[in-house]
Amino acid sequence: MISSVVGRQPSGSWANRRITLSVAFNYGGRWDVVQAVRQALARYRPDVVECQDAYNLPWAALKHRGAYPETALIAGYMTDFPTVYVARPFSKFLGHRLADRVGRSCYEYCGRLYRQFDAVYALSEQGGAQLLRGLGVDVDEAGVAEVGVTEDWHGGSRRTKEERG
C-alpha cells in the first residue's frame, strides 16, 4: 500500500504539499508500484518527500528531485534491515562469515543512499542513529523520532488514587 499525504489537488502553485512514501513489507520491488510513485510525484510536485523505505522508493524520490531540485527529501531509517533481513537469514545457508560480509555491503548501501537526503531520522539512538552517523550520514539535522511511551508519561504518578486501586 502506498501512503500519499497531499495537502490539496495538483495546481500551478505547489506550496505546502508533502508526500510520505511508505510501502507495505515485501512488495517485491514491483516496478508498477515504483511507476505509480513516480507518477504521483510528477503530478503533485510536492515541496517535501519523506521516504520510510530503503529499497526502490527512495530512488524514485531522488530521480524526482533531479527534475525538481527544490524538492526537499527526508528519509526515515525504520529498521536495521542489513542485519534483520540480510545478514541473519543469509547466515543460515551462507555461513556467518559470508553473511556478515553481505550485511556490511548493505550498510555501505545505506550510507550511500541516505547521504543523498536533506534530512534523515532514526527511530532511536541505538536503533539506527548511531549506526547511520558511523556511515557518514548526518542524523542530527532531523534527529531521533523516539517511539513508544515512557513511564513518566504513563506512570502511576499520573493516575488518580482510585485508578491505581
Protein backbone atom coordinates (compact mmCIF):
# COMPACT_ATOMS: atom_id res chain seq x y z
CA MET A 1 0.00 0.00 0.00
CA ILE A 2 1.33 3.44 -0.90
CA SER A 3 0.53 6.23 1.51
CA SER A 4 0.29 9.64 -0.13
CA VAL A 5 -0.42 12.63 2.05
CA VAL A 6 -1.08 15.67 -0.08
CA GLY A 7 -2.47 18.98 1.13
CA ARG A 8 -4.57 19.76 -1.95
CA GLN A 9 -5.28 18.89 -5.55
CA PRO A 10 -2.49 19.48 -8.09
CA SER A 11 -2.28 23.07 -9.24
CA GLY A 12 0.19 25.56 -10.62
CA SER A 13 1.14 26.50 -7.06
CA TRP A 14 2.66 23.66 -5.07
CA ALA A 15 3.37 25.25 -1.72
CA ASN A 16 2.79 23.30 1.49
CA ARG A 17 2.47 19.87 -0.07
CA ARG A 18 4.14 16.79 1.27
CA ILE A 19 4.10 13.17 0.18
CA THR A 20 5.08 10.34 2.51
CA LEU A 21 6.21 7.20 0.72
CA SER A 22 5.69 4.01 2.64
CA VAL A 23 5.10 0.58 1.16
CA ALA A 24 3.82 -2.50 2.96
CA PHE A 25 6.51 -5.08 3.72
CA ASN A 26 7.82 -7.03 0.76
CA TYR A 27 6.12 -5.50 -2.21
CA GLY A 28 8.87 -7.27 -4.11
CA GLY A 29 10.24 -4.18 -5.81
CA ARG A 30 7.37 -4.29 -8.27
CA TRP A 31 8.01 -1.75 -10.98
CA ASP A 32 4.31 -0.93 -11.30
CA VAL A 33 4.41 0.33 -7.70
CA VAL A 34 7.54 2.37 -8.37
CA GLN A 35 5.97 3.74 -11.56
CA ALA A 36 2.83 4.74 -9.65
CA VAL A 37 5.03 6.59 -7.14
CA ARG A 38 6.86 8.41 -9.93
CA GLN A 39 3.54 9.42 -11.49
CA ALA A 40 2.21 10.71 -8.15
CA LEU A 41 5.38 12.74 -7.58
CA ALA A 42 5.21 14.22 -11.09
CA ARG A 43 1.52 15.04 -10.71
CA TYR A 44 1.62 16.64 -7.26
CA ARG A 45 5.19 18.02 -7.32
CA PRO A 46 5.45 18.18 -3.52
CA ASP A 47 7.77 20.51 -1.60
CA VAL A 48 8.80 17.64 0.67
CA VAL A 49 9.07 13.91 0.05
CA GLU A 50 9.56 11.63 3.05
CA CYS A 51 10.71 8.05 2.41
CA GLN A 52 10.21 5.35 5.03
CA ASP A 53 11.72 2.58 2.94
CA ALA A 54 15.28 1.84 1.79
CA TYR A 55 14.51 -0.10 -1.35
CA ASN A 56 13.10 1.35 -4.60
CA LEU A 57 11.03 4.29 -3.33
CA PRO A 58 13.98 6.48 -2.29
CA TRP A 59 15.45 6.12 -5.76
CA ALA A 60 12.16 7.29 -7.27
CA ALA A 61 12.26 10.29 -4.92
CA LEU A 62 15.89 11.04 -5.81
CA LYS A 63 15.04 10.85 -9.50
CA HIS A 64 12.14 13.24 -8.91
CA ARG A 65 14.45 15.69 -7.20
CA GLY A 66 16.71 15.51 -10.24
CA ALA A 67 13.82 17.02 -12.21
CA TYR A 68 12.70 19.34 -9.38
CA PRO A 69 15.84 20.30 -7.40
CA GLU A 70 13.85 22.47 -4.98
CA THR A 71 12.16 19.36 -3.53
CA ALA A 72 13.36 18.55 0.00
CA LEU A 73 13.95 14.86 0.72
CA ILE A 74 13.63 13.33 4.18
CA ALA A 75 14.38 9.69 4.97
CA GLY A 76 13.42 7.59 7.95
CA TYR A 77 15.65 4.68 8.92
CA MET A 78 12.87 2.40 10.11
CA THR A 79 14.64 -0.90 10.71
CA ASP A 80 18.13 -2.34 10.80
CA PHE A 81 17.45 -4.25 7.57
CA PRO A 82 21.11 -5.17 6.79
CA THR A 83 21.13 -7.30 9.92
CA VAL A 84 17.48 -8.34 10.20
CA TYR A 85 16.70 -9.10 6.55
CA VAL A 86 20.14 -9.87 5.14
CA ALA A 87 22.95 -10.98 7.49
CA ARG A 88 20.85 -13.03 9.91
CA PRO A 89 18.78 -15.00 7.36
CA PHE A 90 21.69 -15.42 4.94
CA SER A 91 23.87 -16.84 7.72
CA LYS A 92 21.63 -19.92 7.77
CA PHE A 93 22.73 -21.01 4.32
CA LEU A 94 25.87 -18.93 3.56
CA GLY A 95 27.53 -19.18 6.96
CA HIS A 96 28.23 -16.31 9.33
CA ARG A 97 31.42 -15.01 7.71
CA LEU A 98 29.95 -14.58 4.21
CA ALA A 99 26.59 -13.36 5.55
CA ASP A 100 28.37 -10.70 7.64
CA ARG A 101 30.21 -9.53 4.51
CA VAL A 102 26.93 -9.24 2.62
CA GLY A 103 25.43 -7.39 5.60
CA ARG A 104 28.35 -4.92 5.57
CA SER A 105 27.69 -4.31 1.87
CA CYS A 106 24.10 -3.45 2.78
CA TYR A 107 25.32 -0.96 5.37
CA GLU A 108 27.52 0.65 2.70
CA TYR A 109 24.41 0.86 0.51
CA CYS A 110 22.54 2.60 3.36
CA GLY A 111 25.33 5.13 3.74
CA ARG A 112 25.39 5.91 0.01
CA LEU A 113 21.60 6.17 -0.12
CA TYR A 114 20.93 8.24 3.00
CA ARG A 115 23.79 10.70 2.42
CA GLN A 116 21.81 11.94 -0.60
CA PHE A 117 18.86 13.11 1.55
CA ASP A 118 18.46 16.57 3.05
CA ALA A 119 17.48 15.16 6.44
CA VAL A 120 17.50 11.69 7.96
CA TYR A 121 15.88 10.49 11.17
CA ALA A 122 16.04 7.20 13.03
CA LEU A 123 13.61 5.63 15.48
CA SER A 124 16.12 5.59 18.30
CA GLU A 125 19.73 6.38 19.04
CA GLN A 126 20.66 2.69 19.22
CA GLY A 127 18.15 1.67 16.55
CA GLY A 128 19.79 3.50 13.70
CA ALA A 129 21.07 6.97 14.56
CA GLN A 130 24.43 5.77 15.89
CA LEU A 131 24.85 3.37 13.00
CA LEU A 132 23.99 5.99 10.36
CA ARG A 133 26.42 8.50 11.84
CA GLY A 134 29.09 5.81 11.58
CA LEU A 135 28.28 5.61 7.86
CA GLY A 136 28.75 9.36 7.42
CA VAL A 137 25.04 10.25 7.44
CA ASP A 138 24.07 13.48 9.24
CA VAL A 139 21.28 12.27 11.52
CA ASP A 140 21.45 15.28 13.83
CA GLU A 141 19.59 17.55 11.41
CA ALA A 142 16.28 15.65 11.66
CA GLY A 143 17.17 13.77 14.82
CA VAL A 144 15.70 10.78 16.50
CA ALA A 145 11.96 10.10 16.47
CA GLU A 146 11.63 8.06 19.65
CA VAL A 147 8.79 5.56 19.52
CA GLY A 148 6.78 4.10 22.35
CA VAL A 149 5.82 5.54 25.70
CA THR A 150 7.81 6.24 28.83
CA GLU A 151 6.98 5.64 32.46
CA ASP A 152 6.95 9.35 33.24
CA TRP A 153 4.20 9.74 30.62
CA HIS A 154 2.01 6.80 31.66
CA GLY A 155 3.46 6.02 35.08
CA GLY A 156 1.50 5.53 38.28
CA SER A 157 2.08 9.11 39.37
CA ARG A 158 -0.17 10.31 36.55
CA ARG A 159 -3.17 8.27 37.70
CA THR A 160 -5.56 9.12 40.49
CA LYS A 161 -5.60 7.09 43.68
CA GLU A 162 -8.87 5.41 42.61
CA GLU A 163 -7.39 4.34 39.27
CA ARG A 164 -4.33 2.83 40.95
CA GLY A 165 -6.59 0.70 43.12
